[in-house]
Amino acid sequence: MDTKKTIQEEKLWNILNPKKSNRDFKITIRFQKHLSKNYEKAITIAKKNKYFMDQGKGDFYKVFVSFYPEDVEELYQIFELVKNQETTKIYLNNKLIPYIQDLWLFLMWFYKIK
C-alpha cells in the first residue's frame, strides 16, 4: 500500500475515533537518506519494525517507522541514530506537534524504566 495513502487513512481513523486514538498514542519517526554511518544501522533496525513504511527513491528515499509505548527500546535506538539529521521529523499520531522532541519523547523514555 502507498505510504501517503496509509497515513491519510490513519489520520481519518483518528478523526472518526477520537476516544481510541487519544488513548493509544503512536510516535512515528521519519528520516531520509543521509551520508552517515548511523543511517545503515537505522535502516536495519527500521526494516524489522512491523510498522515500517518507505517512500521515494535515491536521495528522496524516506523511511517512516512507528512505535507504541511497548516499543520504547526500539524507538530509542532509532532516535539516537537519526536525531541529529535536519530531515528527521517526529509525529504523534501522524501529526507534527510543537515540542514533540522535548516533551513527548521525554515522556516516552519513562517507559524504559522497568
PDB file of N, CA and C in Angstrom:
ATOM      1  N   MET A   1       0.849  -1.182   0.000  1.00  0.00           N
ATOM      2  CA  MET A   1       0.000   0.000   0.000  1.00  0.00           C
ATOM      3  C   MET A   1       0.889   1.238   0.000  1.00  0.00           C
ATOM      4  N   ASP A   2       0.428   2.283  -0.620  1.00  0.00           N
ATOM      5  CA  ASP A   2       1.135   3.548  -0.716  1.00  0.00           C
ATOM      6  C   ASP A   2       1.263   4.188   0.671  1.00  0.00           C
ATOM      7  N   THR A   3       2.440   4.699   0.984  1.00  0.00           N
ATOM      8  CA  THR A   3       2.709   5.287   2.300  1.00  0.00           C
ATOM      9  C   THR A   3       1.795   6.472   2.591  1.00  0.00           C
ATOM     10  N   LYS A   4       1.678   7.388   1.634  1.00  0.00           N
ATOM     11  CA  LYS A   4       0.826   8.557   1.852  1.00  0.00           C
ATOM     12  C   LYS A   4      -0.630   8.149   2.084  1.00  0.00           C
ATOM     13  N   LYS A   5      -1.092   7.176   1.335  1.00  0.00           N
ATOM     14  CA  LYS A   5      -2.474   6.715   1.480  1.00  0.00           C
ATOM     15  C   LYS A   5      -2.684   6.097   2.859  1.00  0.00           C
ATOM     16  N   THR A   6      -1.722   5.307   3.317  1.00  0.00           N
ATOM     17  CA  THR A   6      -1.818   4.682   4.636  1.00  0.00           C
ATOM     18  C   THR A   6      -1.887   5.743   5.731  1.00  0.00           C
ATOM     19  N   ILE A   7      -1.027   6.746   5.639  1.00  0.00           N
ATOM     20  CA  ILE A   7      -1.013   7.810   6.643  1.00  0.00           C
ATOM     21  C   ILE A   7      -2.327   8.584   6.629  1.00  0.00           C
ATOM     22  N   GLN A   8      -2.852   8.880   5.443  1.00  0.00           N
ATOM     23  CA  GLN A   8      -4.131   9.594   5.343  1.00  0.00           C
ATOM     24  C   GLN A   8      -5.269   8.771   5.946  1.00  0.00           C
ATOM     25  N   GLU A   9      -5.254   7.451   5.707  1.00  0.00           N
ATOM     26  CA  GLU A   9      -6.285   6.585   6.285  1.00  0.00           C
ATOM     27  C   GLU A   9      -6.194   6.565   7.807  1.00  0.00           C
ATOM     28  N   GLU A  10      -4.978   6.537   8.339  1.00  0.00           N
ATOM     29  CA  GLU A  10      -4.799   6.569   9.793  1.00  0.00           C
ATOM     30  C   GLU A  10      -5.282   7.897  10.371  1.00  0.00           C
ATOM     31  N   LYS A  11      -5.000   8.999   9.693  1.00  0.00           N
ATOM     32  CA  LYS A  11      -5.476  10.300  10.152  1.00  0.00           C
ATOM     33  C   LYS A  11      -7.002  10.344  10.180  1.00  0.00           C
ATOM     34  N   LEU A  12      -7.627   9.830   9.132  1.00  0.00           N
ATOM     35  CA  LEU A  12      -9.085   9.793   9.074  1.00  0.00           C
ATOM     36  C   LEU A  12      -9.641   8.936  10.201  1.00  0.00           C
ATOM     37  N   TRP A  13      -9.028   7.775  10.445  1.00  0.00           N
ATOM     38  CA  TRP A  13      -9.478   6.892  11.517  1.00  0.00           C
ATOM     39  C   TRP A  13      -9.363   7.608  12.865  1.00  0.00           C
ATOM     40  N   ASN A  14      -8.275   8.360  13.079  1.00  0.00           N
ATOM     41  CA  ASN A  14      -8.097   9.112  14.326  1.00  0.00           C
ATOM     42  C   ASN A  14      -9.180  10.171  14.504  1.00  0.00           C
ATOM     43  N   ILE A  15      -9.571  10.794  13.413  1.00  0.00           N
ATOM     44  CA  ILE A  15     -10.628  11.811  13.482  1.00  0.00           C
ATOM     45  C   ILE A  15     -11.973  11.156  13.805  1.00  0.00           C
ATOM     46  N   LEU A  16     -12.239  10.023  13.187  1.00  0.00           N
ATOM     47  CA  LEU A  16     -13.527   9.351  13.382  1.00  0.00           C
ATOM     48  C   LEU A  16     -13.621   8.602  14.715  1.00  0.00           C
ATOM     49  N   ASN A  17     -12.484   8.279  15.313  1.00  0.00           N
ATOM     50  CA  ASN A  17     -12.455   7.531  16.572  1.00  0.00           C
ATOM     51  C   ASN A  17     -11.571   8.256  17.600  1.00  0.00           C
ATOM     52  N   PRO A  18     -11.962   9.440  18.030  1.00  0.00           N
ATOM     53  CA  PRO A  18     -11.078  10.241  18.893  1.00  0.00           C
ATOM     54  C   PRO A  18     -10.799   9.610  20.258  1.00  0.00           C
ATOM     55  N   LYS A  19     -11.770   8.914  20.831  1.00  0.00           N
ATOM     56  CA  LYS A  19     -11.529   8.320  22.156  1.00  0.00           C
ATOM     57  C   LYS A  19     -10.431   7.273  22.099  1.00  0.00           C
ATOM     58  N   LYS A  20     -10.477   6.414  21.114  1.00  0.00           N
ATOM     59  CA  LYS A  20      -9.459   5.360  20.991  1.00  0.00           C
ATOM     60  C   LYS A  20      -8.117   5.936  20.570  1.00  0.00           C
ATOM     61  N   SER A  21      -8.110   6.856  19.618  1.00  0.00           N
ATOM     62  CA  SER A  21      -6.837   7.400  19.135  1.00  0.00           C
ATOM     63  C   SER A  21      -6.129   8.220  20.210  1.00  0.00           C
ATOM     64  N   ASN A  22      -6.883   8.883  21.078  1.00  0.00           N
ATOM     65  CA  ASN A  22      -6.257   9.660  22.151  1.00  0.00           C
ATOM     66  C   ASN A  22      -5.704   8.756  23.250  1.00  0.00           C
ATOM     67  N   ARG A  23      -6.264   7.582  23.387  1.00  0.00           N
ATOM     68  CA  ARG A  23      -5.796   6.647  24.402  1.00  0.00           C
ATOM     69  C   ARG A  23      -4.559   5.890  23.921  1.00  0.00           C
ATOM     70  N   ASP A  24      -4.524   5.524  22.661  1.00  0.00           N
ATOM     71  CA  ASP A  24      -3.424   4.754  22.083  1.00  0.00           C
ATOM     72  C   ASP A  24      -2.557   5.663  21.231  1.00  0.00           C
ATOM     73  N   PHE A  25      -1.566   6.289  21.835  1.00  0.00           N
ATOM     74  CA  PHE A  25      -0.737   7.192  21.043  1.00  0.00           C
ATOM     75  C   PHE A  25       0.418   6.440  20.400  1.00  0.00           C
ATOM     76  N   LYS A  26       0.844   6.980  19.271  1.00  0.00           N
ATOM     77  CA  LYS A  26       1.885   6.364  18.457  1.00  0.00           C
ATOM     78  C   LYS A  26       2.872   7.440  18.045  1.00  0.00           C
ATOM     79  N   ILE A  27       4.148   7.151  18.200  1.00  0.00           N
ATOM     80  CA  ILE A  27       5.214   8.045  17.769  1.00  0.00           C
ATOM     81  C   ILE A  27       5.755   7.508  16.448  1.00  0.00           C
ATOM     82  N   THR A  28       5.859   8.362  15.451  1.00  0.00           N
ATOM     83  CA  THR A  28       6.428   7.980  14.158  1.00  0.00           C
ATOM     84  C   THR A  28       7.652   8.840  13.890  1.00  0.00           C
ATOM     85  N   ILE A  29       8.730   8.183  13.507  1.00  0.00           N
ATOM     86  CA  ILE A  29       9.945   8.889  13.112  1.00  0.00           C
ATOM     87  C   ILE A  29      10.071   8.766  11.606  1.00  0.00           C
ATOM     88  N   ARG A  30      10.273   9.912  10.944  1.00  0.00           N
ATOM     89  CA  ARG A  30      10.530   9.914   9.514  1.00  0.00           C
ATOM     90  C   ARG A  30      11.941  10.430   9.308  1.00  0.00           C
ATOM     91  N   PHE A  31      12.746   9.646   8.630  1.00  0.00           N
ATOM     92  CA  PHE A  31      14.084  10.112   8.306  1.00  0.00           C
ATOM     93  C   PHE A  31      14.394   9.804   6.862  1.00  0.00           C
ATOM     94  N   GLN A  32      15.315  10.597   6.305  1.00  0.00           N
ATOM     95  CA  GLN A  32      15.680  10.465   4.903  1.00  0.00           C
ATOM     96  C   GLN A  32      17.085   9.920   4.773  1.00  0.00           C
ATOM     97  N   LYS A  33      17.389   9.535   3.561  1.00  0.00           N
ATOM     98  CA  LYS A  33      18.720   9.040   3.256  1.00  0.00           C
ATOM     99  C   LYS A  33      19.743  10.130   3.564  1.00  0.00           C
ATOM    100  N   HIS A  34      20.814   9.740   4.248  1.00  0.00           N
ATOM    101  CA  HIS A  34      21.884  10.686   4.530  1.00  0.00           C
ATOM    102  C   HIS A  34      23.211   9.940   4.596  1.00  0.00           C
ATOM    103  N   LEU A  35      24.272  10.668   4.433  1.00  0.00           N
ATOM    104  CA  LEU A  35      25.609  10.078   4.415  1.00  0.00           C
ATOM    105  C   LEU A  35      26.156  10.030   5.834  1.00  0.00           C
ATOM    106  N   SER A  36      25.812   8.997   6.525  1.00  0.00           N
ATOM    107  CA  SER A  36      26.254   8.816   7.897  1.00  0.00           C
ATOM    108  C   SER A  36      26.370   7.328   8.160  1.00  0.00           C
ATOM    109  N   LYS A  37      27.295   6.961   9.020  1.00  0.00           N
ATOM    110  CA  LYS A  37      27.420   5.541   9.350  1.00  0.00           C
ATOM    111  C   LYS A  37      26.196   5.059  10.122  1.00  0.00           C
ATOM    112  N   ASN A  38      25.495   5.973  10.784  1.00  0.00           N
ATOM    113  CA  ASN A  38      24.304   5.605  11.545  1.00  0.00           C
ATOM    114  C   ASN A  38      23.105   5.289  10.655  1.00  0.00           C
ATOM    115  N   TYR A  39      23.114   5.801   9.421  1.00  0.00           N
ATOM    116  CA  TYR A  39      21.977   5.601   8.517  1.00  0.00           C
ATOM    117  C   TYR A  39      21.729   4.114   8.259  1.00  0.00           C
ATOM    118  N   GLU A  40      22.770   3.377   7.939  1.00  0.00           N
ATOM    119  CA  GLU A  40      22.608   1.944   7.644  1.00  0.00           C
ATOM    120  C   GLU A  40      22.115   1.183   8.872  1.00  0.00           C
ATOM    121  N   LYS A  41      22.615   1.543  10.048  1.00  0.00           N
ATOM    122  CA  LYS A  41      22.144   0.903  11.286  1.00  0.00           C
ATOM    123  C   LYS A  41      20.661   1.202  11.498  1.00  0.00           C
ATOM    124  N   ALA A  42      20.274   2.456  11.271  1.00  0.00           N
ATOM    125  CA  ALA A  42      18.877   2.853  11.455  1.00  0.00           C
ATOM    126  C   ALA A  42      17.965   2.116  10.478  1.00  0.00           C
ATOM    127  N   ILE A  43      18.399   1.972   9.233  1.00  0.00           N
ATOM    128  CA  ILE A  43      17.606   1.244   8.229  1.00  0.00           C
ATOM    129  C   ILE A  43      17.437  -0.215   8.644  1.00  0.00           C
ATOM    130  N   THR A  44      18.504  -0.825   9.121  1.00  0.00           N
ATOM    131  CA  THR A  44      18.445  -2.231   9.541  1.00  0.00           C
ATOM    132  C   THR A  44      17.436  -2.416  10.662  1.00  0.00           C
ATOM    133  N   ILE A  45      17.474  -1.542  11.650  1.00  0.00           N
ATOM    134  CA  ILE A  45      16.518  -1.635  12.767  1.00  0.00           C
ATOM    135  C   ILE A  45      15.102  -1.336  12.274  1.00  0.00           C
ATOM    136  N   ALA A  46      14.960  -0.314  11.437  1.00  0.00           N
ATOM    137  CA  ALA A  46      13.640   0.096  10.950  1.00  0.00           C
ATOM    138  C   ALA A  46      12.950  -1.002  10.150  1.00  0.00           C
ATOM    139  N   LYS A  47      13.689  -1.711   9.325  1.00  0.00           N
ATOM    140  CA  LYS A  47      13.076  -2.748   8.489  1.00  0.00           C
ATOM    141  C   LYS A  47      12.543  -3.915   9.307  1.00  0.00           C
ATOM    142  N   LYS A  48      13.002  -4.073  10.519  1.00  0.00           N
ATOM    143  CA  LYS A  48      12.498  -5.129  11.410  1.00  0.00           C
ATOM    144  C   LYS A  48      11.193  -4.717  12.081  1.00  0.00           C
ATOM    145  N   ASN A  49      10.867  -3.425  12.047  1.00  0.00           N
ATOM    146  CA  ASN A  49       9.674  -2.901  12.699  1.00  0.00           C
ATOM    147  C   ASN A  49       8.429  -3.289  11.915  1.00  0.00           C
ATOM    148  N   LYS A  50       7.381  -3.703  12.623  1.00  0.00           N
ATOM    149  CA  LYS A  50       6.151  -4.124  11.932  1.00  0.00           C
ATOM    150  C   LYS A  50       5.379  -2.949  11.331  1.00  0.00           C
ATOM    151  N   TYR A  51       5.719  -1.710  11.716  1.00  0.00           N
ATOM    152  CA  TYR A  51       5.056  -0.529  11.172  1.00  0.00           C
ATOM    153  C   TYR A  51       5.968   0.237  10.218  1.00  0.00           C
ATOM    154  N   PHE A  52       6.915  -0.442   9.609  1.00  0.00           N
ATOM    155  CA  PHE A  52       7.869   0.160   8.677  1.00  0.00           C
ATOM    156  C   PHE A  52       7.174   0.504   7.362  1.00  0.00           C
ATOM    157  N   MET A  53       7.416   1.732   6.876  1.00  0.00           N
ATOM    158  CA  MET A  53       6.944   2.145   5.552  1.00  0.00           C
ATOM    159  C   MET A  53       8.048   2.970   4.918  1.00  0.00           C
ATOM    160  N   ASP A  54       8.153   2.903   3.610  1.00  0.00           N
ATOM    161  CA  ASP A  54       9.140   3.727   2.920  1.00  0.00           C
ATOM    162  C   ASP A  54       8.498   4.376   1.712  1.00  0.00           C
ATOM    163  N   GLN A  55       9.186   5.398   1.212  1.00  0.00           N
ATOM    164  CA  GLN A  55       8.625   6.186   0.110  1.00  0.00           C
ATOM    165  C   GLN A  55       9.775   6.799  -0.671  1.00  0.00           C
ATOM    166  N   GLY A  56       9.642   6.853  -1.967  1.00  0.00           N
ATOM    167  CA  GLY A  56      10.620   7.511  -2.824  1.00  0.00           C
ATOM    168  C   GLY A  56      11.812   6.633  -3.169  1.00  0.00           C
ATOM    169  N   LYS A  57      12.731   7.217  -3.934  1.00  0.00           N
ATOM    170  CA  LYS A  57      13.928   6.506  -4.378  1.00  0.00           C
ATOM    171  C   LYS A  57      15.112   7.458  -4.346  1.00  0.00           C
ATOM    172  N   GLY A  58      16.298   6.892  -4.308  1.00  0.00           N
ATOM    173  CA  GLY A  58      17.522   7.687  -4.365  1.00  0.00           C
ATOM    174  C   GLY A  58      17.653   8.648  -3.202  1.00  0.00           C
ATOM    175  N   ASP A  59      17.986   9.886  -3.515  1.00  0.00           N
ATOM    176  CA  ASP A  59      18.167  10.900  -2.476  1.00  0.00           C
ATOM    177  C   ASP A  59      16.856  11.313  -1.815  1.00  0.00           C
ATOM    178  N   PHE A  60      15.736  10.960  -2.413  1.00  0.00           N
ATOM    179  CA  PHE A  60      14.431  11.320  -1.878  1.00  0.00           C
ATOM    180  C   PHE A  60      13.778  10.165  -1.119  1.00  0.00           C
ATOM    181  N   TYR A  61      14.552   9.148  -0.809  1.00  0.00           N
ATOM    182  CA  TYR A  61      14.059   7.982  -0.084  1.00  0.00           C
ATOM    183  C   TYR A  61      13.772   8.383   1.364  1.00  0.00           C
ATOM    184  N   LYS A  62      12.555   8.114   1.821  1.00  0.00           N
ATOM    185  CA  LYS A  62      12.144   8.433   3.193  1.00  0.00           C
ATOM    186  C   LYS A  62      11.674   7.154   3.877  1.00  0.00           C
ATOM    187  N   VAL A  63      11.975   7.060   5.136  1.00  0.00           N
ATOM    188  CA  VAL A  63      11.573   5.911   5.944  1.00  0.00           C
ATOM    189  C   VAL A  63      10.664   6.412   7.058  1.00  0.00           C
ATOM    190  N   PHE A  64       9.541   5.737   7.242  1.00  0.00           N
ATOM    191  CA  PHE A  64       8.608   6.022   8.329  1.00  0.00           C
ATOM    192  C   PHE A  64       8.572   4.795   9.228  1.00  0.00           C
ATOM    193  N   VAL A  65       8.829   4.994  10.516  1.00  0.00           N
ATOM    194  CA  VAL A  65       8.801   3.890  11.472  1.00  0.00           C
ATOM    195  C   VAL A  65       7.972   4.335  12.668  1.00  0.00           C
ATOM    196  N   SER A  66       6.978   3.536  13.037  1.00  0.00           N
ATOM    197  CA  SER A  66       6.072   3.908  14.120  1.00  0.00           C
ATOM    198  C   SER A  66       6.279   3.025  15.342  1.00  0.00           C
ATOM    199  N   PHE A  67       6.004   3.618  16.503  1.00  0.00           N
ATOM    200  CA  PHE A  67       6.215   2.921  17.763  1.00  0.00           C
ATOM    201  C   PHE A  67       5.095   3.239  18.740  1.00  0.00           C
ATOM    202  N   TYR A  68       4.678   2.239  19.476  1.00  0.00           N
ATOM    203  CA  TYR A  68       3.753   2.402  20.587  1.00  0.00           C
ATOM    204  C   TYR A  68       4.571   2.334  21.873  1.00  0.00           C
ATOM    205  N   PRO A  69       4.002   2.693  23.016  1.00  0.00           N
ATOM    206  CA  PRO A  69       4.791   2.694  24.256  1.00  0.00           C
ATOM    207  C   PRO A  69       5.523   1.379  24.551  1.00  0.00           C
ATOM    208  N   GLU A  70       4.960   0.269  24.172  1.00  0.00           N
ATOM    209  CA  GLU A  70       5.638  -1.013  24.437  1.00  0.00           C
ATOM    210  C   GLU A  70       6.871  -1.225  23.549  1.00  0.00           C
ATOM    211  N   ASP A  71       7.046  -0.393  22.531  1.00  0.00           N
ATOM    212  CA  ASP A  71       8.198  -0.493  21.628  1.00  0.00           C
ATOM    213  C   ASP A  71       9.257   0.559  21.940  1.00  0.00           C
ATOM    214  N   VAL A  72       9.302   1.043  23.159  1.00  0.00           N
ATOM    215  CA  VAL A  72      10.153   2.183  23.510  1.00  0.00           C
ATOM    216  C   VAL A  72      11.643   1.901  23.306  1.00  0.00           C
ATOM    217  N   GLU A  73      12.092   0.690  23.526  1.00  0.00           N
ATOM    218  CA  GLU A  73      13.519   0.375  23.355  1.00  0.00           C
ATOM    219  C   GLU A  73      13.951   0.561  21.902  1.00  0.00           C
ATOM    220  N   GLU A  74      13.150   0.054  20.997  1.00  0.00           N
ATOM    221  CA  GLU A  74      13.442   0.187  19.565  1.00  0.00           C
ATOM    222  C   GLU A  74      13.355   1.655  19.127  1.00  0.00           C
ATOM    223  N   LEU A  75      12.358   2.372  19.642  1.00  0.00           N
ATOM    224  CA  LEU A  75      12.228   3.810  19.363  1.00  0.00           C
ATOM    225  C   LEU A  75      13.495   4.544  19.793  1.00  0.00           C
ATOM    226  N   TYR A  76      13.972   4.252  20.964  1.00  0.00           N
ATOM    227  CA  TYR A  76      15.167   4.915  21.488  1.00  0.00           C
ATOM    228  C   TYR A  76      16.381   4.629  20.604  1.00  0.00           C
ATOM    229  N   GLN A  77      16.531   3.385  20.183  1.00  0.00           N
ATOM    230  CA  GLN A  77      17.672   3.012  19.332  1.00  0.00           C
ATOM    231  C   GLN A  77      17.668   3.815  18.036  1.00  0.00           C
ATOM    232  N   ILE A  78      16.538   3.847  17.350  1.00  0.00           N
ATOM    233  CA  ILE A  78      16.468   4.560  16.073  1.00  0.00           C
ATOM    234  C   ILE A  78      16.604   6.068  16.285  1.00  0.00           C
ATOM    235  N   PHE A  79      15.951   6.591  17.293  1.00  0.00           N
ATOM    236  CA  PHE A  79      16.033   8.027  17.548  1.00  0.00           C
ATOM    237  C   PHE A  79      17.474   8.467  17.782  1.00  0.00           C
ATOM    238  N   GLU A  80      18.218   7.711  18.549  1.00  0.00           N
ATOM    239  CA  GLU A  80      19.616   8.063  18.814  1.00  0.00           C
ATOM    240  C   GLU A  80      20.455   8.062  17.535  1.00  0.00           C
ATOM    241  N   LEU A  81      20.086   7.249  16.562  1.00  0.00           N
ATOM    242  CA  LEU A  81      20.841   7.173  15.311  1.00  0.00           C
ATOM    243  C   LEU A  81      20.512   8.306  14.340  1.00  0.00           C
ATOM    244  N   VAL A  82      19.288   8.824  14.382  1.00  0.00           N
ATOM    245  CA  VAL A  82      18.869   9.806  13.368  1.00  0.00           C
ATOM    246  C   VAL A  82      18.515  11.177  13.934  1.00  0.00           C
ATOM    247  N   LYS A  83      18.638  11.380  15.221  1.00  0.00           N
ATOM    248  CA  LYS A  83      18.174  12.627  15.838  1.00  0.00           C
ATOM    249  C   LYS A  83      18.915  13.873  15.374  1.00  0.00           C
ATOM    250  N   ASN A  84      20.139  13.749  14.929  1.00  0.00           N
ATOM    251  CA  ASN A  84      20.927  14.923  14.535  1.00  0.00           C
ATOM    252  C   ASN A  84      20.769  15.309  13.074  1.00  0.00           C
ATOM    253  N   GLN A  85      19.963  14.600  12.332  1.00  0.00           N
ATOM    254  CA  GLN A  85      19.758  14.902  10.920  1.00  0.00           C
ATOM    255  C   GLN A  85      18.673  15.969  10.759  1.00  0.00           C
ATOM    256  N   GLU A  86      18.917  16.944   9.894  1.00  0.00           N
ATOM    257  CA  GLU A  86      17.954  18.018   9.644  1.00  0.00           C
ATOM    258  C   GLU A  86      16.614  17.516   9.141  1.00  0.00           C
ATOM    259  N   THR A  87      16.630  16.472   8.364  1.00  0.00           N
ATOM    260  CA  THR A  87      15.408  15.993   7.711  1.00  0.00           C
ATOM    261  C   THR A  87      14.591  15.041   8.583  1.00  0.00           C
ATOM    262  N   THR A  88      15.054  14.738   9.765  1.00  0.00           N
ATOM    263  CA  THR A  88      14.308  13.851  10.654  1.00  0.00           C
ATOM    264  C   THR A  88      13.108  14.597  11.220  1.00  0.00           C
ATOM    265  N   LYS A  89      11.954  13.980  11.124  1.00  0.00           N
ATOM    266  CA  LYS A  89      10.714  14.546  11.661  1.00  0.00           C
ATOM    267  C   LYS A  89      10.096  13.510  12.598  1.00  0.00           C
ATOM    268  N   ILE A  90       9.425  14.000  13.626  1.00  0.00           N
ATOM    269  CA  ILE A  90       8.765  13.126  14.587  1.00  0.00           C
ATOM    270  C   ILE A  90       7.298  13.520  14.647  1.00  0.00           C
ATOM    271  N   TYR A  91       6.432  12.520  14.590  1.00  0.00           N
ATOM    272  CA  TYR A  91       4.990  12.736  14.571  1.00  0.00           C
ATOM    273  C   TYR A  91       4.338  12.026  15.752  1.00  0.00           C
ATOM    274  N   LEU A  92       3.275  12.610  16.258  1.00  0.00           N
ATOM    275  CA  LEU A  92       2.441  11.975  17.274  1.00  0.00           C
ATOM    276  C   LEU A  92       1.096  11.699  16.620  1.00  0.00           C
ATOM    277  N   ASN A  93       0.743  10.442  16.496  1.00  0.00           N
ATOM    278  CA  ASN A  93      -0.480  10.041  15.790  1.00  0.00           C
ATOM    279  C   ASN A  93      -0.582  10.717  14.423  1.00  0.00           C
ATOM    280  N   ASN A  94       0.517  10.703  13.690  1.00  0.00           N
ATOM    281  CA  ASN A  94       0.623  11.239  12.332  1.00  0.00           C
ATOM    282  C   ASN A  94       0.456  12.751  12.245  1.00  0.00           C
ATOM    283  N   LYS A  95       0.705  13.466  13.336  1.00  0.00           N
ATOM    284  CA  LYS A  95       0.618  14.925  13.330  1.00  0.00           C
ATOM    285  C   LYS A  95       1.938  15.495  13.845  1.00  0.00           C
ATOM    286  N   LEU A  96       2.400  16.554  13.187  1.00  0.00           N
ATOM    287  CA  LEU A  96       3.554  17.289  13.710  1.00  0.00           C
ATOM    288  C   LEU A  96       3.074  18.139  14.868  1.00  0.00           C
ATOM    289  N   ILE A  97       3.666  17.954  16.006  1.00  0.00           N
ATOM    290  CA  ILE A  97       3.238  18.642  17.218  1.00  0.00           C
ATOM    291  C   ILE A  97       4.406  19.495  17.729  1.00  0.00           C
ATOM    292  N   PRO A  98       4.152  20.725  18.160  1.00  0.00           N
ATOM    293  CA  PRO A  98       5.241  21.520  18.726  1.00  0.00           C
ATOM    294  C   PRO A  98       5.828  20.832  19.966  1.00  0.00           C
ATOM    295  N   TYR A  99       7.103  20.942  20.123  1.00  0.00           N
ATOM    296  CA  TYR A  99       7.832  20.406  21.273  1.00  0.00           C
ATOM    297  C   TYR A  99       7.755  18.886  21.405  1.00  0.00           C
ATOM    298  N   ILE A 100       7.497  18.194  20.320  1.00  0.00           N
ATOM    299  CA  ILE A 100       7.358  16.748  20.416  1.00  0.00           C
ATOM    300  C   ILE A 100       8.658  16.094  20.885  1.00  0.00           C
ATOM    301  N   GLN A 101       9.764  16.605  20.421  1.00  0.00           N
ATOM    302  CA  GLN A 101      11.036  16.010  20.807  1.00  0.00           C
ATOM    303  C   GLN A 101      11.345  16.304  22.273  1.00  0.00           C
ATOM    304  N   ASP A 102      10.989  17.469  22.750  1.00  0.00           N
ATOM    305  CA  ASP A 102      11.297  17.854  24.117  1.00  0.00           C
ATOM    306  C   ASP A 102      10.297  17.339  25.137  1.00  0.00           C
ATOM    307  N   LEU A 103       9.064  17.154  24.736  1.00  0.00           N
ATOM    308  CA  LEU A 103       8.041  16.751  25.683  1.00  0.00           C
ATOM    309  C   LEU A 103       7.605  15.302  25.507  1.00  0.00           C
ATOM    310  N   TRP A 104       7.063  14.983  24.334  1.00  0.00           N
ATOM    311  CA  TRP A 104       6.502  13.652  24.149  1.00  0.00           C
ATOM    312  C   TRP A 104       7.552  12.554  24.165  1.00  0.00           C
ATOM    313  N   LEU A 105       8.676  12.781  23.515  1.00  0.00           N
ATOM    314  CA  LEU A 105       9.734  11.763  23.570  1.00  0.00           C
ATOM    315  C   LEU A 105      10.274  11.625  24.981  1.00  0.00           C
ATOM    316  N   PHE A 106      10.385  12.738  25.678  1.00  0.00           N
ATOM    317  CA  PHE A 106      10.826  12.687  27.069  1.00  0.00           C
ATOM    318  C   PHE A 106       9.876  11.821  27.898  1.00  0.00           C
ATOM    319  N   LEU A 107       8.573  11.976  27.660  1.00  0.00           N
ATOM    320  CA  LEU A 107       7.594  11.147  28.376  1.00  0.00           C
ATOM    321  C   LEU A 107       7.693   9.675  27.973  1.00  0.00           C
ATOM    322  N   MET A 108       8.013   9.430  26.711  1.00  0.00           N
ATOM    323  CA  MET A 108       8.180   8.033  26.259  1.00  0.00           C
ATOM    324  C   MET A 108       9.344   7.356  26.971  1.00  0.00           C
ATOM    325  N   TRP A 109      10.374   8.096  27.295  1.00  0.00           N
ATOM    326  CA  TRP A 109      11.534   7.475  27.933  1.00  0.00           C
ATOM    327  C   TRP A 109      11.190   6.924  29.303  1.00  0.00           C
ATOM    328  N   PHE A 110      10.107   7.383  29.920  1.00  0.00           N
ATOM    329  CA  PHE A 110       9.681   6.806  31.192  1.00  0.00           C
ATOM    330  C   PHE A 110       9.270   5.351  31.041  1.00  0.00           C
ATOM    331  N   TYR A 111       8.854   4.955  29.851  1.00  0.00           N
ATOM    332  CA  TYR A 111       8.504   3.560  29.611  1.00  0.00           C
ATOM    333  C   TYR A 111       9.741   2.664  29.611  1.00  0.00           C
ATOM    334  N   LYS A 112      10.926   3.278  29.472  1.00  0.00           N
ATOM    335  CA  LYS A 112      12.171   2.494  29.524  1.00  0.00           C
ATOM    336  C   LYS A 112      12.496   2.028  30.931  1.00  0.00           C
ATOM    337  N   ILE A 113      11.974   2.729  31.919  1.00  0.00           N
ATOM    338  CA  ILE A 113      12.239   2.367  33.318  1.00  0.00           C
ATOM    339  C   ILE A 113      11.415   1.140  33.666  1.00  0.00           C
ATOM    340  N   LYS A 114      12.115   0.151  34.150  1.00  0.00           N
ATOM    341  CA  LYS A 114      11.406  -1.106  34.497  1.00  0.00           C
ATOM    342  C   LYS A 114      11.563  -1.447  35.940  1.00  0.00           C
TER     343      LYS A 114
END
